[in-house]
């Protein structure tokens, strides 16, 4: 096999690899477009008025029972849950967790 034939074979192999890569990239793009179109909400759902959760929230008896059991298991005392409501304030641990994630992405000083 001459050098010319080896170069010719290398170009053929690299060209075939490029064509296959482009076909796979096109297939992935088509799949992602099909999935994103499927996930778009319909206009009927988008036009619906928002529901005020704080006003309509009512805990199910199973939820109250689970909270009571968790408090009893933690404190070891008999408890009675009197009221369950949604918090309007974001818990501090959420903000702390977000801050920890953001700080982990900082570049180290040299």
C-alpha atoms as a PDB file:
ATOM      1  CA  UNK A   1       0.000   0.000   0.000  1.00  0.00           C
ATOM      2  CA  UNK A   2       1.462   3.332  -1.034  1.00  0.00           C
ATOM      3  CA  UNK A   3       1.395   6.552   0.929  1.00  0.00           C
ATOM      4  CA  UNK A   4      -1.168   7.966  -1.485  1.00  0.00           C
ATOM      5  CA  UNK A   5      -3.504   5.014  -0.858  1.00  0.00           C
ATOM      6  CA  UNK A   6      -3.075   5.381   2.925  1.00  0.00           C
ATOM      7  CA  UNK A   7      -3.959   9.100   2.790  1.00  0.00           C
ATOM      8  CA  UNK A   8      -6.925   8.319   0.556  1.00  0.00           C
ATOM      9  CA  UNK A   9      -8.151   5.678   3.028  1.00  0.00           C
ATOM     10  CA  UNK A  10      -7.723   8.078   5.982  1.00  0.00           C
ATOM     11  CA  UNK A  11      -9.795  10.765   4.245  1.00  0.00           C
ATOM     12  CA  UNK A  12     -12.479   8.198   3.463  1.00  0.00           C
ATOM     13  CA  UNK A  13     -12.656   7.049   7.101  1.00  0.00           C
ATOM     14  CA  UNK A  14     -12.685  10.601   8.516  1.00  0.00           C
ATOM     15  CA  UNK A  15     -15.290  11.688   5.968  1.00  0.00           C
ATOM     16  CA  UNK A  16     -17.517   8.756   6.899  1.00  0.00           C
ATOM     17  CA  UNK A  17     -17.136   9.599  10.595  1.00  0.00           C
ATOM     18  CA  UNK A  18     -18.118  13.234   9.932  1.00  0.00           C
ATOM     19  CA  UNK A  19     -21.192  12.218   7.939  1.00  0.00           C
ATOM     20  CA  UNK A  20     -22.342   9.800  10.653  1.00  0.00           C
ATOM     21  CA  UNK A  21     -21.769  12.479  13.338  1.00  0.00           C
ATOM     22  CA  UNK A  22     -23.862  14.998  11.419  1.00  0.00           C
ATOM     23  CA  UNK A  23     -26.671  12.461  10.963  1.00  0.00           C
ATOM     24  CA  UNK A  24     -26.690  11.676  14.692  1.00  0.00           C
ATOM     25  CA  UNK A  25     -26.678  15.399  15.550  1.00  0.00           C
ATOM     26  CA  UNK A  26     -29.642  15.948  13.230  1.00  0.00           C
ATOM     27  CA  UNK A  27     -31.512  13.048  14.811  1.00  0.00           C
ATOM     28  CA  UNK A  28     -30.890  14.411  18.305  1.00  0.00           C
ATOM     29  CA  UNK A  29     -32.072  17.883  17.242  1.00  0.00           C
ATOM     30  CA  UNK A  30     -35.264  16.435  15.724  1.00  0.00           C
ATOM     31  CA  UNK A  31     -35.961  14.450  18.896  1.00  0.00           C
ATOM     32  CA  UNK A  32     -35.440  17.493  21.139  1.00  0.00           C
ATOM     33  CA  UNK A  33     -37.785  19.588  18.971  1.00  0.00           C
ATOM     34  CA  UNK A  34     -40.450  16.879  19.110  1.00  0.00           C
ATOM     35  CA  UNK A  35     -40.162  16.651  22.904  1.00  0.00           C
ATOM     36  CA  UNK A  36     -40.276  20.443  23.395  1.00  0.00           C
ATOM     37  CA  UNK A  37     -43.404  20.723  21.241  1.00  0.00           C
ATOM     38  CA  UNK A  38     -45.079  18.014  23.275  1.00  0.00           C
ATOM     39  CA  UNK A  39     -44.346  19.808  26.574  1.00  0.00           C
ATOM     40  CA  UNK A  40     -45.758  23.205  25.567  1.00  0.00           C
ATOM     41  CA  UNK A  41     -48.978  23.967  27.489  1.00  0.00           C
ATOM     42  CA  UNK A  42     -52.141  24.419  25.539  1.00  0.00           C
ATOM     43  CA  UNK A  43     -53.713  27.858  25.234  1.00  0.00           C
ATOM     44  CA  UNK A  44     -56.664  26.753  27.357  1.00  0.00           C
ATOM     45  CA  UNK A  45     -54.425  25.983  30.315  1.00  0.00           C
ATOM     46  CA  UNK A  46     -52.420  29.176  29.870  1.00  0.00           C
ATOM     47  CA  UNK A  47     -55.596  31.301  29.862  1.00  0.00           C
ATOM     48  CA  UNK A  48     -56.919  29.836  33.110  1.00  0.00           C
ATOM     49  CA  UNK A  49     -56.841  32.269  36.044  1.00  0.00           C
ATOM     50  CA  UNK A  50     -54.314  31.498  38.780  1.00  0.00           C
ATOM     51  CA  UNK A  51     -55.625  29.901  41.949  1.00  0.00           C
ATOM     52  CA  UNK A  52     -54.695  31.494  45.245  1.00  0.00           C
ATOM     53  CA  UNK A  53     -53.267  28.487  47.078  1.00  0.00           C
ATOM     54  CA  UNK A  54     -53.020  30.191  50.436  1.00  0.00           C
ATOM     55  CA  UNK A  55     -56.754  30.866  50.451  1.00  0.00           C
ATOM     56  CA  UNK A  56     -57.914  27.431  49.280  1.00  0.00           C
ATOM     57  CA  UNK A  57     -55.354  25.207  51.012  1.00  0.00           C
ATOM     58  CA  UNK A  58     -56.784  22.644  53.380  1.00  0.00           C
ATOM     59  CA  UNK A  59     -54.643  19.810  54.687  1.00  0.00           C
ATOM     60  CA  UNK A  60     -55.956  16.296  54.225  1.00  0.00           C
ATOM     61  CA  UNK A  61     -56.463  14.209  57.370  1.00  0.00           C
ATOM     62  CA  UNK A  62     -53.681  11.882  56.191  1.00  0.00           C
ATOM     63  CA  UNK A  63     -51.248  14.818  56.036  1.00  0.00           C
ATOM     64  CA  UNK A  64     -52.171  15.941  59.547  1.00  0.00           C
ATOM     65  CA  UNK A  65     -51.767  12.363  60.802  1.00  0.00           C
ATOM     66  CA  UNK A  66     -48.320  12.113  59.172  1.00  0.00           C
ATOM     67  CA  UNK A  67     -47.212  15.429  60.702  1.00  0.00           C
ATOM     68  CA  UNK A  68     -48.507  14.353  64.115  1.00  0.00           C
ATOM     69  CA  UNK A  69     -46.666  11.030  63.896  1.00  0.00           C
ATOM     70  CA  UNK A  70     -43.427  12.749  62.839  1.00  0.00           C
ATOM     71  CA  UNK A  71     -43.606  15.245  65.708  1.00  0.00           C
ATOM     72  CA  UNK A  72     -44.418  12.457  68.177  1.00  0.00           C
ATOM     73  CA  UNK A  73     -41.486  10.365  66.913  1.00  0.00           C
ATOM     74  CA  UNK A  74     -39.143  13.341  67.174  1.00  0.00           C
ATOM     75  CA  UNK A  75     -40.204  14.762  70.520  1.00  0.00           C
ATOM     76  CA  UNK A  76     -41.467  11.585  72.146  1.00  0.00           C
ATOM     77  CA  UNK A  77     -44.445  13.458  73.570  1.00  0.00           C
ATOM     78  CA  UNK A  78     -48.143  13.385  72.817  1.00  0.00           C
ATOM     79  CA  UNK A  79     -49.005  16.265  70.488  1.00  0.00           C
ATOM     80  CA  UNK A  80     -52.102  17.646  68.818  1.00  0.00           C
ATOM     81  CA  UNK A  81     -51.802  19.532  65.538  1.00  0.00           C
ATOM     82  CA  UNK A  82     -54.189  22.482  65.680  1.00  0.00           C
ATOM     83  CA  UNK A  83     -53.524  24.205  62.374  1.00  0.00           C
ATOM     84  CA  UNK A  84     -51.661  23.515  59.115  1.00  0.00           C
ATOM     85  CA  UNK A  85     -51.036  26.380  56.718  1.00  0.00           C
ATOM     86  CA  UNK A  86     -48.719  27.219  53.864  1.00  0.00           C
ATOM     87  CA  UNK A  87     -45.764  29.385  54.719  1.00  0.00           C
ATOM     88  CA  UNK A  88     -45.594  32.669  52.860  1.00  0.00           C
ATOM     89  CA  UNK A  89     -41.916  33.106  53.730  1.00  0.00           C
ATOM     90  CA  UNK A  90     -39.166  31.189  52.003  1.00  0.00           C
ATOM     91  CA  UNK A  91     -37.343  28.944  54.487  1.00  0.00           C
ATOM     92  CA  UNK A  92     -33.793  29.972  55.356  1.00  0.00           C
ATOM     93  CA  UNK A  93     -32.384  26.570  54.414  1.00  0.00           C
ATOM     94  CA  UNK A  94     -33.543  27.081  50.812  1.00  0.00           C
ATOM     95  CA  UNK A  95     -31.605  30.325  50.486  1.00  0.00           C
ATOM     96  CA  UNK A  96     -28.600  28.781  52.245  1.00  0.00           C
ATOM     97  CA  UNK A  97     -28.607  25.802  49.880  1.00  0.00           C
ATOM     98  CA  UNK A  98     -28.784  28.047  46.826  1.00  0.00           C
ATOM     99  CA  UNK A  99     -25.944  30.177  48.163  1.00  0.00           C
ATOM    100  CA  UNK A 100     -23.803  27.087  48.754  1.00  0.00           C
ATOM    101  CA  UNK A 101     -24.372  25.912  45.185  1.00  0.00           C
ATOM    102  CA  UNK A 102     -23.559  29.331  43.730  1.00  0.00           C
ATOM    103  CA  UNK A 103     -20.396  29.635  45.821  1.00  0.00           C
ATOM    104  CA  UNK A 104     -19.239  26.206  44.696  1.00  0.00           C
ATOM    105  CA  UNK A 105     -19.086  27.503  41.117  1.00  0.00           C
ATOM    106  CA  UNK A 106     -16.733  30.392  41.926  1.00  0.00           C
ATOM    107  CA  UNK A 107     -13.265  30.285  40.506  1.00  0.00           C
ATOM    108  CA  UNK A 108     -10.528  29.919  43.075  1.00  0.00           C
ATOM    109  CA  UNK A 109      -8.224  32.890  43.562  1.00  0.00           C
ATOM    110  CA  UNK A 110      -4.696  32.320  42.334  1.00  0.00           C
END
